[in-house]
Amino acid sequence: MKSLGLMGRVAMSFCVSTVLPIFLFFLSTHGITSMGQNIFVLALAGIFLVAWIYNGIVKPIDSLKNAARRIESGDLNFTLEAESHDEFAELTQAFEKMRMKLKQNQEEKARDEEENRELVSNIAHDLKTPITAIRGYAEGILDGVAATEEKKRKYLQTIYHKAVEMNRLIDELNYYAKIETNKIPYHFVHLPALEYFQDYGMEMAIDLDAIGFQFTTDYYLEDTVEVIADPVQLRKVLNNIVSNAVKYMDKAEPKIHFSLLDAGDFVEVVIEDNGKGIEKKDLPYIFERFYRSDTARSTETGGSGIGLSIVKKIIEDSGGRIWADSEIGVGTGIHFVLRKHFMEG
C-alpha cells in the first residue's frame, strides 16, 4: 500500500479502523444480512484497490509516458516530481535526472554553436581587413600608382605584413580546432627554466627594440631549476601574451617587463606592460573562449577572441595556472606558474 503515499496510508488506516466498523454496525442494526455485509466489504475493498492501482501504478506510468513523449519531441522545459516513496518514485527521479542532463547538454550545445558562429564571424571580419588592404596595394602596383621603386617596396612590405596577419589568424583557428578535439601535440620535457626564459628574453629584446618598445627583465631563479613543460607550446604562450601587449599598447613610450620568480613548487612567469589596461568587469573573462572586451571590438586590432583561451589551455594542461591583474591607464600583468621537476632521492 505504500504507493498511496503518507496521506493515502493514513486515510486507509482511518477507514479500516474507524469507518468500516461503524458501517458494519449500521448495516447489522438495520437488518442487513451477513452476506450483504460481505458484499459491501468486497465492494469497498474493490474501490480501494482500484484507487491504489490508479494512484500507485497507472498515474505514475502515465506521467512517465507523457514525459517520454515531451523529451522525444525536444521539449525539456518541465519538471518531474515523485509523489510517493516506492520503486516508481525512484524511476521518476531517474527520469528527472536524465531530463536535467539532456537539458544541460542541449544548453551547452546551443552555447557552443553560438560561440562557433561568433568565431566564424570574428575570423571573417578580421580576414576582410587584410584582404582588402592586399587588394588595394596590389591594384596600386598594377595601376602604376607606386611609380618609384621605394613606393613599390613599401606597398610590397604592406602586402607581406597583411599576409602574415592572415596566416596568424588561420593558424589560430586551426589550433583552436585541435584544442576542441584534444589533439594538441604535447611533448613534455624537464626544461632548464632559467636558460629557456633567458634565451627567449634575448630574442624578445631584439624584436621589441625594432618596433620601439623598451624591454626589461628580472630573473630571480637558480640555474639548476627545471620545469615540466613543452618548449614549443610554451613559446606559443609567451608569444601570444607579448603579442597582446604590443597590440593593445597606447603609450608613446611602450614598455614590457619580463620576470621569472621562484614560487616554491612552481616557477612563476610575469609579463607586464604599461598599456591601456583592462576594465575590472572584463578581467575575470579574458581567458574565456571568444571573449573580447568592448574596447577590443571597437579598435582595428582584430583578433578572434581565442588567443588567451589557448594560452590558458596550454598552461593548465602543463599542470599550472594563469591569471591577470590590470589597471586602466597603468597596464596589465599576466602571471602563470609551471610545475618544477624535482630529482628523485
C-alpha atoms as a PDB file:
ATOM      1  CA  MET A   1       0.000   0.000   0.000  1.00  0.00           C
ATOM      2  CA  LYS A   2       2.967   2.343   0.237  1.00  0.00           C
ATOM      3  CA  SER A   3       2.324   3.604  -3.310  1.00  0.00           C
ATOM      4  CA  LEU A   4      -0.546   5.638  -1.896  1.00  0.00           C
ATOM      5  CA  GLY A   5       1.860   7.864  -0.052  1.00  0.00           C
ATOM      6  CA  LEU A   6       1.667   9.045   3.556  1.00  0.00           C
ATOM      7  CA  MET A   7      -1.763  10.715   3.299  1.00  0.00           C
ATOM      8  CA  GLY A   8      -3.171   7.715   1.442  1.00  0.00           C
ATOM      9  CA  ARG A   9      -1.964   5.295   4.131  1.00  0.00           C
ATOM     10  CA  VAL A  10      -3.430   7.482   6.888  1.00  0.00           C
ATOM     11  CA  ALA A  11      -6.774   7.608   5.070  1.00  0.00           C
ATOM     12  CA  MET A  12      -6.742   3.841   4.526  1.00  0.00           C
ATOM     13  CA  SER A  13      -5.969   3.150   8.179  1.00  0.00           C
ATOM     14  CA  PHE A  14      -8.746   5.507   9.275  1.00  0.00           C
ATOM     15  CA  CYS A  15     -11.278   3.803   7.008  1.00  0.00           C
ATOM     16  CA  VAL A  16     -10.339   0.278   8.118  1.00  0.00           C
ATOM     17  CA  SER A  17     -10.110   1.031  11.831  1.00  0.00           C
ATOM     18  CA  THR A  18     -12.982   3.511  12.233  1.00  0.00           C
ATOM     19  CA  VAL A  19     -15.295   3.973   9.265  1.00  0.00           C
ATOM     20  CA  LEU A  20     -15.663   0.293   8.287  1.00  0.00           C
ATOM     21  CA  PRO A  21     -16.728  -0.953  11.774  1.00  0.00           C
ATOM     22  CA  ILE A  22     -19.269   1.889  12.004  1.00  0.00           C
ATOM     23  CA  PHE A  23     -20.740   0.956   8.617  1.00  0.00           C
ATOM     24  CA  LEU A  24     -20.909  -2.731   9.554  1.00  0.00           C
ATOM     25  CA  PHE A  25     -22.633  -1.873  12.814  1.00  0.00           C
ATOM     26  CA  PHE A  26     -25.055   0.369  10.920  1.00  0.00           C
ATOM     27  CA  LEU A  27     -25.849  -2.417   8.466  1.00  0.00           C
ATOM     28  CA  SER A  28     -26.358  -5.042  11.165  1.00  0.00           C
ATOM     29  CA  THR A  29     -28.744  -2.820  13.163  1.00  0.00           C
ATOM     30  CA  HIS A  30     -30.850  -2.237  10.037  1.00  0.00           C
ATOM     31  CA  GLY A  31     -31.393  -5.891   9.269  1.00  0.00           C
ATOM     32  CA  ILE A  32     -28.737  -6.283   6.575  1.00  0.00           C
ATOM     33  CA  THR A  33     -27.634  -9.927   6.412  1.00  0.00           C
ATOM     34  CA  SER A  34     -24.057 -11.043   6.792  1.00  0.00           C
ATOM     35  CA  MET A  35     -23.965 -11.791   3.056  1.00  0.00           C
ATOM     36  CA  GLY A  36     -24.967  -8.216   2.330  1.00  0.00           C
ATOM     37  CA  GLN A  37     -22.289  -7.030   4.685  1.00  0.00           C
ATOM     38  CA  ASN A  38     -19.717  -9.199   2.899  1.00  0.00           C
ATOM     39  CA  ILE A  39     -20.790  -7.804  -0.458  1.00  0.00           C
ATOM     40  CA  PHE A  40     -20.445  -4.287   0.881  1.00  0.00           C
ATOM     41  CA  VAL A  41     -16.977  -5.031   2.263  1.00  0.00           C
ATOM     42  CA  LEU A  42     -15.879  -6.556  -1.046  1.00  0.00           C
ATOM     43  CA  ALA A  43     -17.230  -3.569  -2.974  1.00  0.00           C
ATOM     44  CA  LEU A  44     -15.450  -1.182  -0.646  1.00  0.00           C
ATOM     45  CA  ALA A  45     -12.240  -3.194  -0.967  1.00  0.00           C
ATOM     46  CA  GLY A  46     -12.606  -3.100  -4.749  1.00  0.00           C
ATOM     47  CA  ILE A  47     -12.919   0.680  -4.689  1.00  0.00           C
ATOM     48  CA  PHE A  48      -9.784   0.996  -2.588  1.00  0.00           C
ATOM     49  CA  LEU A  49      -7.946  -1.468  -4.846  1.00  0.00           C
ATOM     50  CA  VAL A  50      -8.852   0.499  -7.969  1.00  0.00           C
ATOM     51  CA  ALA A  51      -7.755   3.735  -6.279  1.00  0.00           C
ATOM     52  CA  TRP A  52      -4.485   2.121  -5.223  1.00  0.00           C
ATOM     53  CA  ILE A  53      -3.811   0.772  -8.724  1.00  0.00           C
ATOM     54  CA  TYR A  54      -4.604   4.133 -10.317  1.00  0.00           C
ATOM     55  CA  ASN A  55      -2.628   6.288  -7.898  1.00  0.00           C
ATOM     56  CA  GLY A  56       0.201   3.866  -7.328  1.00  0.00           C
ATOM     57  CA  ILE A  57       0.709   2.377 -10.806  1.00  0.00           C
ATOM     58  CA  VAL A  58      -1.369   3.884 -13.639  1.00  0.00           C
ATOM     59  CA  LYS A  59      -0.831   7.551 -12.739  1.00  0.00           C
ATOM     60  CA  PRO A  60       2.998   7.314 -12.383  1.00  0.00           C
ATOM     61  CA  ILE A  61       3.235   5.321 -15.632  1.00  0.00           C
ATOM     62  CA  ASP A  62       1.111   7.920 -17.458  1.00  0.00           C
ATOM     63  CA  SER A  63       3.316  10.664 -16.047  1.00  0.00           C
ATOM     64  CA  LEU A  64       6.465   8.901 -17.302  1.00  0.00           C
ATOM     65  CA  LYS A  65       4.868   8.238 -20.718  1.00  0.00           C
ATOM     66  CA  ASN A  66       3.977  11.915 -21.089  1.00  0.00           C
ATOM     67  CA  ALA A  67       7.491  12.897 -20.041  1.00  0.00           C
ATOM     68  CA  ALA A  68       8.988  10.491 -22.590  1.00  0.00           C
ATOM     69  CA  ARG A  69       6.812  11.985 -25.357  1.00  0.00           C
ATOM     70  CA  ARG A  70       7.869  15.530 -24.437  1.00  0.00           C
ATOM     71  CA  ILE A  71      11.541  14.545 -24.364  1.00  0.00           C
ATOM     72  CA  GLU A  72      11.166  12.786 -27.742  1.00  0.00           C
ATOM     73  CA  SER A  73       9.699  15.982 -29.221  1.00  0.00           C
ATOM     74  CA  GLY A  74      12.614  18.009 -27.865  1.00  0.00           C
ATOM     75  CA  ASP A  75      10.699  19.690 -25.041  1.00  0.00           C
ATOM     76  CA  LEU A  76      12.812  19.579 -21.883  1.00  0.00           C
ATOM     77  CA  ASN A  77      11.244  22.546 -20.107  1.00  0.00           C
ATOM     78  CA  PHE A  78       9.303  20.707 -17.424  1.00  0.00           C
ATOM     79  CA  THR A  79       9.913  19.020 -14.079  1.00  0.00           C
ATOM     80  CA  LEU A  80       9.046  15.502 -12.960  1.00  0.00           C
ATOM     81  CA  GLU A  81       8.134  15.182  -9.275  1.00  0.00           C
ATOM     82  CA  ALA A  82       7.787  11.897  -7.407  1.00  0.00           C
ATOM     83  CA  GLU A  83       4.527  11.652  -5.434  1.00  0.00           C
ATOM     84  CA  SER A  84       5.441   8.564  -3.412  1.00  0.00           C
ATOM     85  CA  HIS A  85       8.442   6.765  -1.958  1.00  0.00           C
ATOM     86  CA  ASP A  86       8.376   3.447  -3.794  1.00  0.00           C
ATOM     87  CA  GLU A  87      10.040   1.974  -6.886  1.00  0.00           C
ATOM     88  CA  PHE A  88       8.019   4.282  -9.158  1.00  0.00           C
ATOM     89  CA  ALA A  89       9.398   7.256  -7.237  1.00  0.00           C
ATOM     90  CA  GLU A  90      12.933   6.002  -7.860  1.00  0.00           C
ATOM     91  CA  LEU A  91      12.117   5.573 -11.551  1.00  0.00           C
ATOM     92  CA  THR A  92      10.634   9.088 -11.677  1.00  0.00           C
ATOM     93  CA  GLN A  93      13.751  10.537 -10.020  1.00  0.00           C
ATOM     94  CA  ALA A  94      15.969   8.695 -12.513  1.00  0.00           C
ATOM     95  CA  PHE A  95      13.847  10.087 -15.363  1.00  0.00           C
ATOM     96  CA  GLU A  96      14.144  13.603 -13.929  1.00  0.00           C
ATOM     97  CA  LYS A  97      17.947  13.288 -13.671  1.00  0.00           C
ATOM     98  CA  MET A  98      18.044  12.151 -17.299  1.00  0.00           C
ATOM     99  CA  ARG A  99      15.874  15.131 -18.330  1.00  0.00           C
ATOM    100  CA  MET A 100      18.114  17.566 -16.455  1.00  0.00           C
ATOM    101  CA  LYS A 101      21.233  16.052 -18.061  1.00  0.00           C
ATOM    102  CA  LEU A 102      19.691  16.249 -21.532  1.00  0.00           C
ATOM    103  CA  LYS A 103      18.666  19.860 -20.917  1.00  0.00           C
ATOM    104  CA  GLN A 104      22.185  20.708 -19.744  1.00  0.00           C
ATOM    105  CA  ASN A 105      23.663  19.076 -22.860  1.00  0.00           C
ATOM    106  CA  GLN A 106      21.138  20.918 -25.038  1.00  0.00           C
ATOM    107  CA  GLU A 107      22.086  24.263 -23.474  1.00  0.00           C
ATOM    108  CA  GLU A 108      25.816  23.532 -23.805  1.00  0.00           C
ATOM    109  CA  LYS A 109      25.347  22.560 -27.453  1.00  0.00           C
ATOM    110  CA  ALA A 110      23.417  25.776 -28.139  1.00  0.00           C
ATOM    111  CA  ARG A 111      26.125  27.786 -26.379  1.00  0.00           C
ATOM    112  CA  ASP A 112      28.896  26.059 -28.359  1.00  0.00           C
ATOM    113  CA  GLU A 113      27.042  26.667 -31.625  1.00  0.00           C
ATOM    114  CA  GLU A 114      26.640  30.341 -30.767  1.00  0.00           C
ATOM    115  CA  GLU A 115      30.337  30.604 -29.875  1.00  0.00           C
ATOM    116  CA  ASN A 116      31.320  28.893 -33.128  1.00  0.00           C
ATOM    117  CA  ARG A 117      29.121  31.289 -35.104  1.00  0.00           C
ATOM    118  CA  GLU A 118      30.790  34.175 -33.291  1.00  0.00           C
ATOM    119  CA  LEU A 119      34.226  32.720 -34.054  1.00  0.00           C
ATOM    120  CA  VAL A 120      33.432  32.435 -37.770  1.00  0.00           C
ATOM    121  CA  SER A 121      32.067  35.982 -37.736  1.00  0.00           C
ATOM    122  CA  ASN A 122      35.175  37.299 -35.952  1.00  0.00           C
ATOM    123  CA  ILE A 123      37.567  35.467 -38.267  1.00  0.00           C
ATOM    124  CA  ALA A 124      35.636  36.587 -41.371  1.00  0.00           C
ATOM    125  CA  HIS A 125      35.694  40.196 -40.168  1.00  0.00           C
ATOM    126  CA  ASP A 126      39.376  40.085 -39.236  1.00  0.00           C
ATOM    127  CA  LEU A 127      40.358  38.439 -42.533  1.00  0.00           C
ATOM    128  CA  LYS A 128      38.414  41.004 -44.535  1.00  0.00           C
ATOM    129  CA  THR A 129      40.630  43.869 -43.356  1.00  0.00           C
ATOM    130  CA  PRO A 130      43.992  42.463 -44.562  1.00  0.00           C
ATOM    131  CA  ILE A 131      42.409  41.058 -47.738  1.00  0.00           C
ATOM    132  CA  THR A 132      41.020  44.498 -48.593  1.00  0.00           C
ATOM    133  CA  ALA A 133      44.416  46.073 -47.908  1.00  0.00           C
ATOM    134  CA  ILE A 134      46.268  43.468 -50.007  1.00  0.00           C
ATOM    135  CA  ARG A 135      43.872  44.010 -52.896  1.00  0.00           C
ATOM    136  CA  GLY A 136      44.217  47.788 -52.656  1.00  0.00           C
ATOM    137  CA  TYR A 137      48.014  47.789 -52.591  1.00  0.00           C
ATOM    138  CA  ALA A 138      48.236  45.160 -55.353  1.00  0.00           C
ATOM    139  CA  GLU A 139      45.959  47.276 -57.549  1.00  0.00           C
ATOM    140  CA  GLY A 140      48.133  50.288 -56.746  1.00  0.00           C
ATOM    141  CA  ILE A 141      51.203  48.458 -58.049  1.00  0.00           C
ATOM    142  CA  LEU A 142      49.397  47.150 -61.152  1.00  0.00           C
ATOM    143  CA  ASP A 143      47.879  50.562 -61.963  1.00  0.00           C
ATOM    144  CA  GLY A 144      51.212  52.307 -61.664  1.00  0.00           C
ATOM    145  CA  VAL A 145      50.303  54.318 -58.544  1.00  0.00           C
ATOM    146  CA  ALA A 146      53.513  53.067 -56.954  1.00  0.00           C
ATOM    147  CA  ALA A 147      55.680  54.798 -59.537  1.00  0.00           C
ATOM    148  CA  THR A 148      59.014  54.646 -57.701  1.00  0.00           C
ATOM    149  CA  GLU A 149      60.937  51.598 -56.540  1.00  0.00           C
ATOM    150  CA  GLU A 150      60.779  52.835 -52.937  1.00  0.00           C
ATOM    151  CA  LYS A 151      56.992  53.131 -53.092  1.00  0.00           C
ATOM    152  CA  LYS A 152      56.691  49.690 -54.671  1.00  0.00           C
ATOM    153  CA  ARG A 153      58.838  48.264 -51.866  1.00  0.00           C
ATOM    154  CA  LYS A 154      56.588  49.879 -49.229  1.00  0.00           C
ATOM    155  CA  TYR A 155      53.498  48.530 -50.957  1.00  0.00           C
ATOM    156  CA  LEU A 156      55.011  45.043 -51.126  1.00  0.00           C
ATOM    157  CA  GLN A 157      56.052  45.214 -47.457  1.00  0.00           C
ATOM    158  CA  THR A 158      52.490  46.104 -46.511  1.00  0.00           C
ATOM    159  CA  ILE A 159      51.140  43.222 -48.594  1.00  0.00           C
ATOM    160  CA  TYR A 160      53.614  40.879 -46.896  1.00  0.00           C
ATOM    161  CA  HIS A 161      52.661  42.009 -43.368  1.00  0.00           C
ATOM    162  CA  LYS A 162      48.961  41.672 -44.154  1.00  0.00           C
ATOM    163  CA  ALA A 163      49.555  38.156 -45.485  1.00  0.00           C
ATOM    164  CA  VAL A 164      51.410  37.296 -42.257  1.00  0.00           C
ATOM    165  CA  GLU A 165      48.438  38.617 -40.279  1.00  0.00           C
ATOM    166  CA  MET A 166      46.065  36.425 -42.282  1.00  0.00           C
ATOM    167  CA  ASN A 167      48.302  33.415 -41.745  1.00  0.00           C
ATOM    168  CA  ARG A 168      48.309  34.077 -37.992  1.00  0.00           C
ATOM    169  CA  LEU A 169      44.505  34.142 -37.903  1.00  0.00           C
ATOM    170  CA  ILE A 170      44.271  30.895 -39.864  1.00  0.00           C
ATOM    171  CA  ASP A 171      46.867  29.237 -37.600  1.00  0.00           C
ATOM    172  CA  GLU A 172      44.889  30.396 -34.565  1.00  0.00           C
ATOM    173  CA  LEU A 173      41.709  28.876 -35.976  1.00  0.00           C
ATOM    174  CA  ASN A 174      43.499  25.626 -36.799  1.00  0.00           C
ATOM    175  CA  TYR A 175      44.980  25.490 -33.309  1.00  0.00           C
ATOM    176  CA  TYR A 176      41.565  26.096 -31.788  1.00  0.00           C
ATOM    177  CA  ALA A 177      40.234  23.089 -33.725  1.00  0.00           C
ATOM    178  CA  LYS A 178      42.986  20.965 -32.158  1.00  0.00           C
ATOM    179  CA  ILE A 179      42.013  22.218 -28.708  1.00  0.00           C
ATOM    180  CA  GLU A 180      38.361  21.313 -29.299  1.00  0.00           C
ATOM    181  CA  THR A 181      39.346  17.735 -30.164  1.00  0.00           C
ATOM    182  CA  ASN A 182      42.109  17.492 -27.527  1.00  0.00           C
ATOM    183  CA  LYS A 183      44.719  16.948 -30.235  1.00  0.00           C
ATOM    184  CA  ILE A 184      47.372  19.450 -29.165  1.00  0.00           C
ATOM    185  CA  PRO A 185      50.684  17.625 -29.764  1.00  0.00           C
ATOM    186  CA  TYR A 186      52.404  17.884 -26.358  1.00  0.00           C
ATOM    187  CA  HIS A 187      55.970  16.740 -25.771  1.00  0.00           C
ATOM    188  CA  PHE A 188      56.681  17.442 -22.112  1.00  0.00           C
ATOM    189  CA  VAL A 189      60.306  17.572 -21.004  1.00  0.00           C
ATOM    190  CA  HIS A 190      62.291  18.688 -17.957  1.00  0.00           C
ATOM    191  CA  LEU A 191      63.154  22.181 -19.138  1.00  0.00           C
ATOM    192  CA  PRO A 192      66.055  24.217 -17.639  1.00  0.00           C
ATOM    193  CA  ALA A 193      63.899  27.217 -16.734  1.00  0.00           C
ATOM    194  CA  LEU A 194      66.481  29.983 -16.425  1.00  0.00           C
ATOM    195  CA  GLU A 195      68.262  29.075 -19.673  1.00  0.00           C
ATOM    196  CA  TYR A 196      64.999  28.741 -21.625  1.00  0.00           C
ATOM    197  CA  PHE A 197      63.492  32.039 -20.470  1.00  0.00           C
ATOM    198  CA  GLN A 198      66.766  33.971 -20.765  1.00  0.00           C
ATOM    199  CA  ASP A 199      67.096  32.818 -24.380  1.00  0.00           C
ATOM    200  CA  TYR A 200      63.511  33.867 -25.042  1.00  0.00           C
ATOM    201  CA  GLY A 201      64.110  37.209 -23.327  1.00  0.00           C
ATOM    202  CA  MET A 202      67.114  37.964 -25.538  1.00  0.00           C
ATOM    203  CA  GLU A 203      65.086  37.214 -28.678  1.00  0.00           C
ATOM    204  CA  MET A 204      62.216  39.407 -27.477  1.00  0.00           C
ATOM    205  CA  ALA A 205      64.588  42.260 -26.651  1.00  0.00           C
ATOM    206  CA  ILE A 206      65.726  42.370 -30.282  1.00  0.00           C
ATOM    207  CA  ASP A 207      62.207  42.048 -31.741  1.00  0.00           C
ATOM    208  CA  LEU A 208      60.651  44.624 -29.414  1.00  0.00           C
ATOM    209  CA  ASP A 209      63.507  47.089 -29.790  1.00  0.00           C
ATOM    210  CA  ALA A 210      62.905  47.010 -33.555  1.00  0.00           C
ATOM    211  CA  ILE A 211      59.362  48.343 -33.029  1.00  0.00           C
ATOM    212  CA  GLY A 212      60.286  50.916 -30.390  1.00  0.00           C
ATOM    213  CA  PHE A 213      59.482  49.014 -27.188  1.00  0.00           C
ATOM    214  CA  GLN A 214      61.587  49.141 -24.038  1.00  0.00           C
ATOM    215  CA  PHE A 215      62.024  45.557 -22.827  1.00  0.00           C
ATOM    216  CA  THR A 216      63.445  44.775 -19.370  1.00  0.00           C
ATOM    217  CA  THR A 217      63.922  41.530 -17.456  1.00  0.00           C
ATOM    218  CA  ASP A 218      64.425  40.216 -13.911  1.00  0.00           C
ATOM    219  CA  TYR A 219      65.407  36.615 -13.227  1.00  0.00           C
ATOM    220  CA  TYR A 220      65.104  35.513  -9.587  1.00  0.00           C
ATOM    221  CA  LEU A 221      65.761  31.824 -10.110  1.00  0.00           C
ATOM    222  CA  GLU A 222      68.607  29.348  -9.594  1.00  0.00           C
ATOM    223  CA  ASP A 223      70.080  27.979 -12.814  1.00  0.00           C
ATOM    224  CA  THR A 224      69.502  24.384 -11.629  1.00  0.00           C
ATOM    225  CA  VAL A 225      65.697  24.691 -11.539  1.00  0.00           C
ATOM    226  CA  GLU A 226      63.779  22.685 -14.135  1.00  0.00           C
ATOM    227  CA  VAL A 227      60.100  22.929 -15.067  1.00  0.00           C
ATOM    228  CA  ILE A 228      57.795  20.380 -16.677  1.00  0.00           C
ATOM    229  CA  ALA A 229      56.732  21.888 -19.988  1.00  0.00           C
ATOM    230  CA  ASP A 230      56.588  21.528 -23.749  1.00  0.00           C
ATOM    231  CA  PRO A 231      59.091  24.098 -25.076  1.00  0.00           C
ATOM    232  CA  VAL A 232      57.215  24.565 -28.380  1.00  0.00           C
ATOM    233  CA  GLN A 233      53.803  25.082 -26.770  1.00  0.00           C
ATOM    234  CA  LEU A 234      55.339  27.277 -24.060  1.00  0.00           C
ATOM    235  CA  ARG A 235      56.712  29.558 -26.762  1.00  0.00           C
ATOM    236  CA  LYS A 236      53.181  29.882 -28.168  1.00  0.00           C
ATOM    237  CA  VAL A 237      52.062  31.013 -24.716  1.00  0.00           C
ATOM    238  CA  LEU A 238      54.805  33.634 -24.423  1.00  0.00           C
ATOM    239  CA  ASN A 239      54.372  34.887 -27.993  1.00  0.00           C
ATOM    240  CA  ASN A 240      50.627  35.250 -27.536  1.00  0.00           C
ATOM    241  CA  ILE A 241      50.948  37.235 -24.305  1.00  0.00           C
ATOM    242  CA  VAL A 242      53.644  39.532 -25.714  1.00  0.00           C
ATOM    243  CA  SER A 243      51.660  39.946 -28.950  1.00  0.00           C
ATOM    244  CA  ASN A 244      48.622  41.107 -26.953  1.00  0.00           C
ATOM    245  CA  ALA A 245      50.771  43.565 -25.004  1.00  0.00           C
ATOM    246  CA  VAL A 246      52.034  45.035 -28.276  1.00  0.00           C
ATOM    247  CA  LYS A 247      48.612  45.006 -29.955  1.00  0.00           C
ATOM    248  CA  TYR A 248      46.834  46.945 -27.225  1.00  0.00           C
ATOM    249  CA  MET A 249      49.642  49.373 -26.382  1.00  0.00           C
ATOM    250  CA  ASP A 250      48.584  53.025 -26.338  1.00  0.00           C
ATOM    251  CA  LYS A 251      51.617  54.762 -24.811  1.00  0.00           C
ATOM    252  CA  ALA A 252      54.184  56.931 -26.595  1.00  0.00           C
ATOM    253  CA  GLU A 253      56.931  55.132 -24.644  1.00  0.00           C
ATOM    254  CA  PRO A 254      55.800  51.493 -24.652  1.00  0.00           C
ATOM    255  CA  LYS A 255      57.324  49.145 -22.081  1.00  0.00           C
ATOM    256  CA  ILE A 256      57.204  45.425 -21.399  1.00  0.00           C
ATOM    257  CA  HIS A 257      58.802  43.854 -18.328  1.00  0.00           C
ATOM    258  CA  PHE A 258      59.544  40.130 -18.035  1.00  0.00           C
ATOM    259  CA  SER A 259      60.087  38.473 -14.613  1.00  0.00           C
ATOM    260  CA  LEU A 260      60.979  34.943 -13.567  1.00  0.00           C
ATOM    261  CA  LEU A 261      60.314  34.054  -9.911  1.00  0.00           C
ATOM    262  CA  ASP A 262      60.761  31.074  -7.605  1.00  0.00           C
ATOM    263  CA  ALA A 263      57.336  30.145  -6.187  1.00  0.00           C
ATOM    264  CA  GLY A 264      58.016  27.059  -4.064  1.00  0.00           C
ATOM    265  CA  ASP A 265      56.927  24.003  -6.040  1.00  0.00           C
ATOM    266  CA  PHE A 266      56.382  26.220  -9.062  1.00  0.00           C
ATOM    267  CA  VAL A 267      58.157  28.763 -11.232  1.00  0.00           C
ATOM    268  CA  GLU A 268      56.184  31.947 -11.818  1.00  0.00           C
ATOM    269  CA  VAL A 269      56.430  33.921 -15.053  1.00  0.00           C
ATOM    270  CA  VAL A 270      55.184  37.517 -15.147  1.00  0.00           C
ATOM    271  CA  ILE A 271      54.801  39.652 -18.285  1.00  0.00           C
ATOM    272  CA  GLU A 272      53.802  43.252 -17.541  1.00  0.00           C
ATOM    273  CA  ASP A 273      53.112  46.181 -19.845  1.00  0.00           C
ATOM    274  CA  ASN A 274      52.242  49.854 -19.468  1.00  0.00           C
ATOM    275  CA  GLY A 275      49.395  49.698 -21.979  1.00  0.00           C
ATOM    276  CA  LYS A 276      45.779  50.779 -21.813  1.00  0.00           C
ATOM    277  CA  GLY A 277      44.789  48.181 -19.210  1.00  0.00           C
ATOM    278  CA  ILE A 278      41.683  46.028 -18.884  1.00  0.00           C
ATOM    279  CA  GLU A 279      38.385  47.044 -17.308  1.00  0.00           C
ATOM    280  CA  LYS A 280      37.583  45.337 -13.989  1.00  0.00           C
ATOM    281  CA  LYS A 281      34.353  43.954 -15.447  1.00  0.00           C
ATOM    282  CA  ASP A 282      36.312  42.272 -18.266  1.00  0.00           C
ATOM    283  CA  LEU A 283      39.235  40.903 -16.234  1.00  0.00           C
ATOM    284  CA  PRO A 284      37.544  37.674 -14.996  1.00  0.00           C
ATOM    285  CA  TYR A 285      36.644  36.682 -18.567  1.00  0.00           C
ATOM    286  CA  ILE A 286      39.752  37.416 -20.646  1.00  0.00           C
ATOM    287  CA  PHE A 287      40.810  33.739 -20.682  1.00  0.00           C
ATOM    288  CA  GLU A 288      37.405  32.521 -21.867  1.00  0.00           C
ATOM    289  CA  ARG A 289      36.889  31.380 -25.448  1.00  0.00           C
ATOM    290  CA  PHE A 290      35.759  34.073 -27.888  1.00  0.00           C
ATOM    291  CA  TYR A 291      35.746  36.787 -25.243  1.00  0.00           C
ATOM    292  CA  ARG A 292      36.731  40.240 -26.436  1.00  0.00           C
ATOM    293  CA  SER A 293      36.089  43.375 -24.443  1.00  0.00           C
ATOM    294  CA  ASP A 294      34.070  46.230 -25.912  1.00  0.00           C
ATOM    295  CA  THR A 295      37.307  48.212 -26.227  1.00  0.00           C
ATOM    296  CA  ALA A 296      38.990  45.423 -28.203  1.00  0.00           C
ATOM    297  CA  ARG A 297      35.983  45.116 -30.511  1.00  0.00           C
ATOM    298  CA  SER A 298      35.916  48.826 -31.244  1.00  0.00           C
ATOM    299  CA  THR A 299      39.533  49.039 -32.350  1.00  0.00           C
ATOM    300  CA  GLU A 300      41.225  47.894 -35.541  1.00  0.00           C
ATOM    301  CA  THR A 301      43.432  45.465 -33.663  1.00  0.00           C
ATOM    302  CA  GLY A 302      41.401  42.465 -34.760  1.00  0.00           C
ATOM    303  CA  GLY A 303      41.613  39.099 -33.094  1.00  0.00           C
ATOM    304  CA  SER A 304      39.323  36.099 -32.914  1.00  0.00           C
ATOM    305  CA  GLY A 305      38.950  36.138 -29.151  1.00  0.00           C
ATOM    306  CA  ILE A 306      40.510  32.689 -28.707  1.00  0.00           C
ATOM    307  CA  GLY A 307      44.187  33.577 -28.205  1.00  0.00           C
ATOM    308  CA  LEU A 308      44.200  33.763 -24.403  1.00  0.00           C
ATOM    309  CA  SER A 309      41.903  30.747 -24.123  1.00  0.00           C
ATOM    310  CA  ILE A 310      44.591  28.776 -25.995  1.00  0.00           C
ATOM    311  CA  VAL A 311      47.191  30.136 -23.566  1.00  0.00           C
ATOM    312  CA  LYS A 312      45.073  29.036 -20.585  1.00  0.00           C
ATOM    313  CA  LYS A 313      44.549  25.572 -22.080  1.00  0.00           C
ATOM    314  CA  ILE A 314      48.287  25.006 -22.607  1.00  0.00           C
ATOM    315  CA  ILE A 315      49.227  26.209 -19.113  1.00  0.00           C
ATOM    316  CA  GLU A 316      46.553  24.103 -17.410  1.00  0.00           C
ATOM    317  CA  ASP A 317      47.467  21.040 -19.491  1.00  0.00           C
ATOM    318  CA  SER A 318      51.023  21.581 -18.235  1.00  0.00           C
ATOM    319  CA  GLY A 319      49.811  21.385 -14.631  1.00  0.00           C
ATOM    320  CA  GLY A 320      49.981  25.122 -13.992  1.00  0.00           C
ATOM    321  CA  ARG A 321      47.552  28.000 -13.760  1.00  0.00           C
ATOM    322  CA  ILE A 322      47.283  31.512 -15.188  1.00  0.00           C
ATOM    323  CA  TRP A 323      45.758  34.797 -14.014  1.00  0.00           C
ATOM    324  CA  ALA A 324      45.924  38.522 -14.685  1.00  0.00           C
ATOM    325  CA  ASP A 325      45.891  41.855 -12.896  1.00  0.00           C
ATOM    326  CA  SER A 326      45.313  45.182 -14.565  1.00  0.00           C
ATOM    327  CA  GLU A 327      44.562  48.849 -14.037  1.00  0.00           C
ATOM    328  CA  ILE A 328      43.108  51.160 -16.654  1.00  0.00           C
ATOM    329  CA  GLY A 329      45.721  53.625 -17.896  1.00  0.00           C
ATOM    330  CA  VAL A 330      48.521  51.883 -15.981  1.00  0.00           C
ATOM    331  CA  GLY A 331      48.895  48.496 -17.654  1.00  0.00           C
ATOM    332  CA  THR A 332      48.367  44.754 -17.392  1.00  0.00           C
ATOM    333  CA  GLY A 333      50.277  41.883 -15.831  1.00  0.00           C
ATOM    334  CA  ILE A 334      49.827  38.288 -16.982  1.00  0.00           C
ATOM    335  CA  HIS A 335      51.057  35.688 -14.468  1.00  0.00           C
ATOM    336  CA  PHE A 336      51.388  31.951 -14.900  1.00  0.00           C
ATOM    337  CA  VAL A 337      53.090  29.161 -12.982  1.00  0.00           C
ATOM    338  CA  LEU A 338      54.698  25.928 -14.144  1.00  0.00           C
ATOM    339  CA  ARG A 339      55.473  22.866 -12.055  1.00  0.00           C
ATOM    340  CA  LYS A 340      59.058  22.298 -11.010  1.00  0.00           C
ATOM    341  CA  HIS A 341      60.721  18.987 -11.696  1.00  0.00           C
ATOM    342  CA  PHE A 342      62.317  17.535  -8.567  1.00  0.00           C
ATOM    343  CA  MET A 343      65.056  14.926  -8.808  1.00  0.00           C
ATOM    344  CA  GLU A 344      64.158  11.687  -7.003  1.00  0.00           C
ATOM    345  CA  GLY A 345      66.210  10.877  -3.956  1.00  0.00           C
END
